[in-house]
Protein backbone atom coordinates (compact mmCIF):
# COMPACT_ATOMS: atom_id res chain seq x y z
CA UNK A 1 0.00 0.00 0.00
CA UNK A 2 2.81 2.44 0.78
CA UNK A 3 4.33 1.87 -2.67
CA UNK A 4 1.69 4.01 -4.38
CA UNK A 5 3.16 6.88 -6.39
CA UNK A 6 0.77 9.77 -5.80
CA UNK A 7 0.66 12.77 -8.13
CA UNK A 8 1.74 16.05 -6.56
CA UNK A 9 -1.70 17.64 -6.89
CA UNK A 10 -3.32 14.82 -4.91
CA UNK A 11 -0.70 15.10 -2.18
CA UNK A 12 -1.27 18.86 -1.96
CA UNK A 13 -5.04 18.41 -1.76
CA UNK A 14 -4.68 15.96 1.13
CA UNK A 15 -2.20 18.26 2.88
CA UNK A 16 -4.69 21.13 2.59
CA UNK A 17 -7.46 18.96 4.00
CA UNK A 18 -5.26 17.79 6.89
CA UNK A 19 -4.31 21.40 7.70
CA UNK A 20 -7.99 22.38 7.71
CA UNK A 21 -8.89 19.38 9.88
CA UNK A 22 -6.22 20.28 12.42
CA UNK A 23 -7.50 23.86 12.51
CA UNK A 24 -11.08 22.66 12.91
CA UNK A 25 -12.00 24.34 9.63
CA UNK A 26 -12.42 21.59 7.04
CA UNK A 27 -14.72 22.83 4.30
CA UNK A 28 -17.12 20.77 2.23
CA UNK A 29 -15.32 22.05 -0.87
CA UNK A 30 -11.94 20.75 0.29
CA UNK A 31 -13.33 17.41 1.45
CA UNK A 32 -15.22 16.96 -1.82
CA UNK A 33 -12.16 17.86 -3.89
CA UNK A 34 -10.01 15.30 -2.07
CA UNK A 35 -12.67 12.60 -2.36
CA UNK A 36 -13.14 13.22 -6.08
CA UNK A 37 -9.38 13.22 -6.71
CA UNK A 38 -8.86 10.01 -4.72
CA UNK A 39 -11.73 8.31 -6.55
CA UNK A 40 -10.40 9.40 -9.96
CA UNK A 41 -6.84 8.34 -9.14
CA UNK A 42 -8.02 4.94 -7.91
CA UNK A 43 -10.04 4.41 -11.09
CA UNK A 44 -7.15 5.52 -13.33
CA UNK A 45 -4.69 3.17 -11.63
CA UNK A 46 -7.06 0.23 -11.13
CA UNK A 47 -6.71 0.29 -7.36
CA UNK A 48 -9.27 0.17 -4.59
CA UNK A 49 -10.43 3.65 -3.58
CA UNK A 50 -10.20 2.75 0.09
CA UNK A 51 -6.62 1.47 -0.31
CA UNK A 52 -5.63 4.67 -2.10
CA UNK A 53 -7.32 6.84 0.51
CA UNK A 54 -5.75 4.99 3.44
CA UNK A 55 -2.26 5.10 1.90
CA UNK A 56 -2.59 8.80 1.11
CA UNK A 57 -3.76 9.67 4.62
CA UNK A 58 -0.95 7.59 6.12
CA UNK A 59 1.61 9.37 3.95
CA UNK A 60 0.38 12.83 4.94
CA UNK A 61 -0.66 12.27 8.56
CA UNK A 62 2.04 9.78 9.60
CA UNK A 63 5.06 10.31 7.34
CA UNK A 64 8.03 8.00 7.54
CA UNK A 65 11.05 9.58 9.22
CA UNK A 66 13.64 10.64 6.69
CA UNK A 67 16.77 8.51 6.51
CA UNK A 68 19.89 10.15 7.83
PDB file of N, CA and C in Angstrom:
ATOM      1  N   UNK A   1       0.811  -1.191   0.000  1.00  0.00           N
ATOM      2  CA  UNK A   1       0.000   0.000   0.000  1.00  0.00           C
ATOM      3  C   UNK A   1       0.858   1.260   0.000  1.00  0.00           C
ATOM      4  N   UNK A   2       1.972   1.243   0.685  1.00  0.00           N
ATOM      5  CA  UNK A   2       2.814   2.437   0.775  1.00  0.00           C
ATOM      6  C   UNK A   2       3.642   2.663  -0.492  1.00  0.00           C
ATOM      7  N   UNK A   3       3.562   1.737  -1.442  1.00  0.00           N
ATOM      8  CA  UNK A   3       4.329   1.869  -2.675  1.00  0.00           C
ATOM      9  C   UNK A   3       3.598   2.681  -3.740  1.00  0.00           C
ATOM     10  N   UNK A   4       2.466   3.243  -3.414  1.00  0.00           N
ATOM     11  CA  UNK A   4       1.690   4.012  -4.382  1.00  0.00           C
ATOM     12  C   UNK A   4       2.404   5.330  -4.671  1.00  0.00           C
ATOM     13  N   UNK A   5       2.555   5.626  -5.952  1.00  0.00           N
ATOM     14  CA  UNK A   5       3.157   6.885  -6.388  1.00  0.00           C
ATOM     15  C   UNK A   5       2.034   7.885  -6.638  1.00  0.00           C
ATOM     16  N   UNK A   6       1.840   8.786  -5.691  1.00  0.00           N
ATOM     17  CA  UNK A   6       0.770   9.766  -5.801  1.00  0.00           C
ATOM     18  C   UNK A   6       1.223  10.972  -6.613  1.00  0.00           C
ATOM     19  N   UNK A   7       0.319  11.530  -7.423  1.00  0.00           N
ATOM     20  CA  UNK A   7       0.662  12.765  -8.130  1.00  0.00           C
ATOM     21  C   UNK A   7       0.728  13.925  -7.134  1.00  0.00           C
ATOM     22  N   UNK A   8       1.543  14.917  -7.457  1.00  0.00           N
ATOM     23  CA  UNK A   8       1.741  16.052  -6.557  1.00  0.00           C
ATOM     24  C   UNK A   8       0.450  16.770  -6.201  1.00  0.00           C
ATOM     25  N   UNK A   9      -0.461  16.916  -7.175  1.00  0.00           N
ATOM     26  CA  UNK A   9      -1.700  17.638  -6.888  1.00  0.00           C
ATOM     27  C   UNK A   9      -2.561  16.904  -5.867  1.00  0.00           C
ATOM     28  N   UNK A  10      -2.553  15.585  -5.887  1.00  0.00           N
ATOM     29  CA  UNK A  10      -3.318  14.815  -4.905  1.00  0.00           C
ATOM     30  C   UNK A  10      -2.694  14.945  -3.517  1.00  0.00           C
ATOM     31  N   UNK A  11      -1.397  14.923  -3.457  1.00  0.00           N
ATOM     32  CA  UNK A  11      -0.700  15.104  -2.182  1.00  0.00           C
ATOM     33  C   UNK A  11      -1.016  16.483  -1.599  1.00  0.00           C
ATOM     34  N   UNK A  12      -0.980  17.506  -2.430  1.00  0.00           N
ATOM     35  CA  UNK A  12      -1.267  18.862  -1.961  1.00  0.00           C
ATOM     36  C   UNK A  12      -2.712  19.007  -1.491  1.00  0.00           C
ATOM     37  N   UNK A  13      -3.637  18.374  -2.192  1.00  0.00           N
ATOM     38  CA  UNK A  13      -5.036  18.409  -1.756  1.00  0.00           C
ATOM     39  C   UNK A  13      -5.195  17.785  -0.376  1.00  0.00           C
ATOM     40  N   UNK A  14      -4.580  16.627  -0.168  1.00  0.00           N
ATOM     41  CA  UNK A  14      -4.684  15.964   1.129  1.00  0.00           C
ATOM     42  C   UNK A  14      -3.994  16.780   2.218  1.00  0.00           C
ATOM     43  N   UNK A  15      -2.866  17.402   1.893  1.00  0.00           N
ATOM     44  CA  UNK A  15      -2.204  18.264   2.883  1.00  0.00           C
ATOM     45  C   UNK A  15      -3.098  19.431   3.278  1.00  0.00           C
ATOM     46  N   UNK A  16      -3.770  20.024   2.301  1.00  0.00           N
ATOM     47  CA  UNK A  16      -4.691  21.132   2.587  1.00  0.00           C
ATOM     48  C   UNK A  16      -5.823  20.668   3.490  1.00  0.00           C
ATOM     49  N   UNK A  17      -6.378  19.499   3.175  1.00  0.00           N
ATOM     50  CA  UNK A  17      -7.460  18.959   3.998  1.00  0.00           C
ATOM     51  C   UNK A  17      -6.978  18.691   5.421  1.00  0.00           C
ATOM     52  N   UNK A  18      -5.811  18.106   5.570  1.00  0.00           N
ATOM     53  CA  UNK A  18      -5.264  17.794   6.895  1.00  0.00           C
ATOM     54  C   UNK A  18      -5.022  19.075   7.690  1.00  0.00           C
ATOM     55  N   UNK A  19      -4.522  20.105   7.030  1.00  0.00           N
ATOM     56  CA  UNK A  19      -4.312  21.397   7.698  1.00  0.00           C
ATOM     57  C   UNK A  19      -5.646  21.962   8.177  1.00  0.00           C
ATOM     58  N   UNK A  20      -6.659  21.891   7.325  1.00  0.00           N
ATOM     59  CA  UNK A  20      -7.987  22.380   7.706  1.00  0.00           C
ATOM     60  C   UNK A  20      -8.573  21.558   8.848  1.00  0.00           C
ATOM     61  N   UNK A  21      -8.393  20.243   8.802  1.00  0.00           N
ATOM     62  CA  UNK A  21      -8.890  19.377   9.877  1.00  0.00           C
ATOM     63  C   UNK A  21      -8.238  19.759  11.202  1.00  0.00           C
ATOM     64  N   UNK A  22      -6.934  19.940  11.190  1.00  0.00           N
ATOM     65  CA  UNK A  22      -6.216  20.284  12.423  1.00  0.00           C
ATOM     66  C   UNK A  22      -6.643  21.636  12.967  1.00  0.00           C
ATOM     67  N   UNK A  23      -7.049  22.545  12.088  1.00  0.00           N
ATOM     68  CA  UNK A  23      -7.503  23.864  12.514  1.00  0.00           C
ATOM     69  C   UNK A  23      -8.996  23.871  12.859  1.00  0.00           C
ATOM     70  N   UNK A  24      -9.653  22.737  12.659  1.00  0.00           N
ATOM     71  CA  UNK A  24     -11.085  22.657  12.909  1.00  0.00           C
ATOM     72  C   UNK A  24     -11.896  23.428  11.883  1.00  0.00           C
ATOM     73  N   UNK A  25     -11.368  23.510  10.657  1.00  0.00           N
ATOM     74  CA  UNK A  25     -12.001  24.340   9.635  1.00  0.00           C
ATOM     75  C   UNK A  25     -12.124  23.632   8.288  1.00  0.00           C
ATOM     76  N   UNK A  26     -12.284  22.313   8.300  1.00  0.00           N
ATOM     77  CA  UNK A  26     -12.415  21.589   7.037  1.00  0.00           C
ATOM     78  C   UNK A  26     -13.689  22.028   6.335  1.00  0.00           C
ATOM     79  N   UNK A  27     -13.564  22.402   5.077  1.00  0.00           N
ATOM     80  CA  UNK A  27     -14.724  22.826   4.303  1.00  0.00           C
ATOM     81  C   UNK A  27     -15.253  21.671   3.461  1.00  0.00           C
ATOM     82  N   UNK A  28     -16.507  21.765   3.100  1.00  0.00           N
ATOM     83  CA  UNK A  28     -17.121  20.770   2.231  1.00  0.00           C
ATOM     84  C   UNK A  28     -16.400  20.769   0.889  1.00  0.00           C
ATOM     85  N   UNK A  29     -16.014  21.940   0.414  1.00  0.00           N
ATOM     86  CA  UNK A  29     -15.319  22.047  -0.868  1.00  0.00           C
ATOM     87  C   UNK A  29     -13.999  21.287  -0.860  1.00  0.00           C
ATOM     88  N   UNK A  30     -13.226  21.446   0.198  1.00  0.00           N
ATOM     89  CA  UNK A  30     -11.943  20.749   0.290  1.00  0.00           C
ATOM     90  C   UNK A  30     -12.160  19.243   0.407  1.00  0.00           C
ATOM     91  N   UNK A  31     -13.064  18.834   1.272  1.00  0.00           N
ATOM     92  CA  UNK A  31     -13.334  17.409   1.454  1.00  0.00           C
ATOM     93  C   UNK A  31     -13.826  16.778   0.153  1.00  0.00           C
ATOM     94  N   UNK A  32     -14.697  17.474  -0.548  1.00  0.00           N
ATOM     95  CA  UNK A  32     -15.221  16.963  -1.821  1.00  0.00           C
ATOM     96  C   UNK A  32     -14.134  16.870  -2.879  1.00  0.00           C
ATOM     97  N   UNK A  33     -13.247  17.864  -2.915  1.00  0.00           N
ATOM     98  CA  UNK A  33     -12.157  17.862  -3.888  1.00  0.00           C
ATOM     99  C   UNK A  33     -11.215  16.688  -3.649  1.00  0.00           C
ATOM    100  N   UNK A  34     -10.891  16.427  -2.396  1.00  0.00           N
ATOM    101  CA  UNK A  34     -10.013  15.301  -2.066  1.00  0.00           C
ATOM    102  C   UNK A  34     -10.691  13.988  -2.437  1.00  0.00           C
ATOM    103  N   UNK A  35     -11.953  13.847  -2.065  1.00  0.00           N
ATOM    104  CA  UNK A  35     -12.668  12.601  -2.356  1.00  0.00           C
ATOM    105  C   UNK A  35     -12.743  12.348  -3.855  1.00  0.00           C
ATOM    106  N   UNK A  36     -13.051  13.373  -4.625  1.00  0.00           N
ATOM    107  CA  UNK A  36     -13.140  13.223  -6.083  1.00  0.00           C
ATOM    108  C   UNK A  36     -11.783  12.856  -6.675  1.00  0.00           C
ATOM    109  N   UNK A  37     -10.722  13.491  -6.194  1.00  0.00           N
ATOM    110  CA  UNK A  37      -9.381  13.219  -6.709  1.00  0.00           C
ATOM    111  C   UNK A  37      -8.926  11.806  -6.352  1.00  0.00           C
ATOM    112  N   UNK A  38      -9.217  11.369  -5.138  1.00  0.00           N
ATOM    113  CA  UNK A  38      -8.862  10.011  -4.722  1.00  0.00           C
ATOM    114  C   UNK A  38      -9.618   8.991  -5.565  1.00  0.00           C
ATOM    115  N   UNK A  39     -10.900   9.219  -5.758  1.00  0.00           N
ATOM    116  CA  UNK A  39     -11.726   8.306  -6.550  1.00  0.00           C
ATOM    117  C   UNK A  39     -11.219   8.227  -7.988  1.00  0.00           C
ATOM    118  N   UNK A  40     -10.909   9.375  -8.582  1.00  0.00           N
ATOM    119  CA  UNK A  40     -10.405   9.405  -9.958  1.00  0.00           C
ATOM    120  C   UNK A  40      -9.056   8.704 -10.065  1.00  0.00           C
ATOM    121  N   UNK A  41      -8.153   8.968  -9.123  1.00  0.00           N
ATOM    122  CA  UNK A  41      -6.837   8.342  -9.142  1.00  0.00           C
ATOM    123  C   UNK A  41      -6.964   6.824  -9.002  1.00  0.00           C
ATOM    124  N   UNK A  42      -7.828   6.372  -8.102  1.00  0.00           N
ATOM    125  CA  UNK A  42      -8.019   4.938  -7.913  1.00  0.00           C
ATOM    126  C   UNK A  42      -8.541   4.298  -9.197  1.00  0.00           C
ATOM    127  N   UNK A  43      -9.489   4.950  -9.839  1.00  0.00           N
ATOM    128  CA  UNK A  43     -10.043   4.406 -11.089  1.00  0.00           C
ATOM    129  C   UNK A  43      -8.989   4.374 -12.189  1.00  0.00           C
ATOM    130  N   UNK A  44      -8.191   5.441 -12.289  1.00  0.00           N
ATOM    131  CA  UNK A  44      -7.148   5.519 -13.325  1.00  0.00           C
ATOM    132  C   UNK A  44      -6.082   4.444 -13.148  1.00  0.00           C
ATOM    133  N   UNK A  45      -5.784   4.115 -11.906  1.00  0.00           N
ATOM    134  CA  UNK A  45      -4.693   3.174 -11.630  1.00  0.00           C
ATOM    135  C   UNK A  45      -5.183   1.763 -11.351  1.00  0.00           C
ATOM    136  N   UNK A  46      -6.514   1.562 -11.355  1.00  0.00           N
ATOM    137  CA  UNK A  46      -7.064   0.231 -11.131  1.00  0.00           C
ATOM    138  C   UNK A  46      -6.914  -0.271  -9.711  1.00  0.00           C
ATOM    139  N   UNK A  47      -6.862   0.659  -8.765  1.00  0.00           N
ATOM    140  CA  UNK A  47      -6.713   0.288  -7.360  1.00  0.00           C
ATOM    141  C   UNK A  47      -8.010   0.551  -6.604  1.00  0.00           C
ATOM    142  N   UNK A  48      -8.129  -0.050  -5.457  1.00  0.00           N
ATOM    143  CA  UNK A  48      -9.274   0.170  -4.591  1.00  0.00           C
ATOM    144  C   UNK A  48      -9.233   1.602  -4.051  1.00  0.00           C
ATOM    145  N   UNK A  49     -10.376   2.282  -4.098  1.00  0.00           N
ATOM    146  CA  UNK A  49     -10.426   3.652  -3.579  1.00  0.00           C
ATOM    147  C   UNK A  49     -10.035   3.703  -2.106  1.00  0.00           C
ATOM    148  N   UNK A  50     -10.502   2.744  -1.338  1.00  0.00           N
ATOM    149  CA  UNK A  50     -10.195   2.749   0.091  1.00  0.00           C
ATOM    150  C   UNK A  50      -8.702   2.533   0.338  1.00  0.00           C
ATOM    151  N   UNK A  51      -8.061   1.675  -0.458  1.00  0.00           N
ATOM    152  CA  UNK A  51      -6.624   1.466  -0.307  1.00  0.00           C
ATOM    153  C   UNK A  51      -5.850   2.741  -0.644  1.00  0.00           C
ATOM    154  N   UNK A  52      -6.282   3.411  -1.708  1.00  0.00           N
ATOM    155  CA  UNK A  52      -5.628   4.666  -2.098  1.00  0.00           C
ATOM    156  C   UNK A  52      -5.816   5.707  -1.001  1.00  0.00           C
ATOM    157  N   UNK A  53      -7.035   5.843  -0.519  1.00  0.00           N
ATOM    158  CA  UNK A  53      -7.320   6.843   0.513  1.00  0.00           C
ATOM    159  C   UNK A  53      -6.532   6.575   1.791  1.00  0.00           C
ATOM    160  N   UNK A  54      -6.482   5.326   2.214  1.00  0.00           N
ATOM    161  CA  UNK A  54      -5.745   4.985   3.436  1.00  0.00           C
ATOM    162  C   UNK A  54      -4.251   5.254   3.277  1.00  0.00           C
ATOM    163  N   UNK A  55      -3.692   4.882   2.128  1.00  0.00           N
ATOM    164  CA  UNK A  55      -2.262   5.098   1.899  1.00  0.00           C
ATOM    165  C   UNK A  55      -1.939   6.588   1.832  1.00  0.00           C
ATOM    166  N   UNK A  56      -2.811   7.362   1.204  1.00  0.00           N
ATOM    167  CA  UNK A  56      -2.590   8.804   1.110  1.00  0.00           C
ATOM    168  C   UNK A  56      -2.655   9.457   2.486  1.00  0.00           C
ATOM    169  N   UNK A  57      -3.644   9.104   3.268  1.00  0.00           N
ATOM    170  CA  UNK A  57      -3.758   9.669   4.622  1.00  0.00           C
ATOM    171  C   UNK A  57      -2.552   9.284   5.470  1.00  0.00           C
ATOM    172  N   UNK A  58      -2.121   8.032   5.359  1.00  0.00           N
ATOM    173  CA  UNK A  58      -0.950   7.595   6.123  1.00  0.00           C
ATOM    174  C   UNK A  58       0.277   8.410   5.730  1.00  0.00           C
ATOM    175  N   UNK A  59       0.440   8.618   4.417  1.00  0.00           N
ATOM    176  CA  UNK A  59       1.614   9.370   3.948  1.00  0.00           C
ATOM    177  C   UNK A  59       1.620  10.800   4.487  1.00  0.00           C
ATOM    178  N   UNK A  60       0.458  11.444   4.511  1.00  0.00           N
ATOM    179  CA  UNK A  60       0.379  12.835   4.939  1.00  0.00           C
ATOM    180  C   UNK A  60       0.332  12.964   6.454  1.00  0.00           C
ATOM    181  N   UNK A  61      -0.441  12.132   7.120  1.00  0.00           N
ATOM    182  CA  UNK A  61      -0.661  12.272   8.558  1.00  0.00           C
ATOM    183  C   UNK A  61       0.403  11.571   9.410  1.00  0.00           C
ATOM    184  N   UNK A  62       1.038  10.546   8.858  1.00  0.00           N
ATOM    185  CA  UNK A  62       2.040   9.780   9.604  1.00  0.00           C
ATOM    186  C   UNK A  62       3.237   9.483   8.704  1.00  0.00           C
ATOM    187  N   UNK A  63       3.951  10.524   8.279  1.00  0.00           N
ATOM    188  CA  UNK A  63       5.058  10.314   7.341  1.00  0.00           C
ATOM    189  C   UNK A  63       6.190   9.507   7.964  1.00  0.00           C
ATOM    190  N   UNK A  64       6.865   8.755   7.109  1.00  0.00           N
ATOM    191  CA  UNK A  64       8.031   7.996   7.536  1.00  0.00           C
ATOM    192  C   UNK A  64       9.149   8.974   7.879  1.00  0.00           C
ATOM    193  N   UNK A  65       9.913   8.710   8.921  1.00  0.00           N
ATOM    194  CA  UNK A  65      11.052   9.579   9.220  1.00  0.00           C
ATOM    195  C   UNK A  65      12.067   9.500   8.074  1.00  0.00           C
ATOM    196  N   UNK A  66      12.659  10.627   7.758  1.00  0.00           N
ATOM    197  CA  UNK A  66      13.639  10.642   6.686  1.00  0.00           C
ATOM    198  C   UNK A  66      14.922   9.964   7.127  1.00  0.00           C
ATOM    199  N   UNK A  67      15.525   9.209   6.217  1.00  0.00           N
ATOM    200  CA  UNK A  67      16.774   8.514   6.511  1.00  0.00           C
ATOM    201  C   UNK A  67      17.904   9.515   6.671  1.00  0.00           C
ATOM    202  N   UNK A  68      18.795   9.228   7.579  1.00  0.00           N
ATOM    203  CA  UNK A  68      19.892  10.155   7.835  1.00  0.00           C
ATOM    204  C   UNK A  68      21.015   9.977   6.849  1.00  0.00           C
TER     205      UNK A  68
END
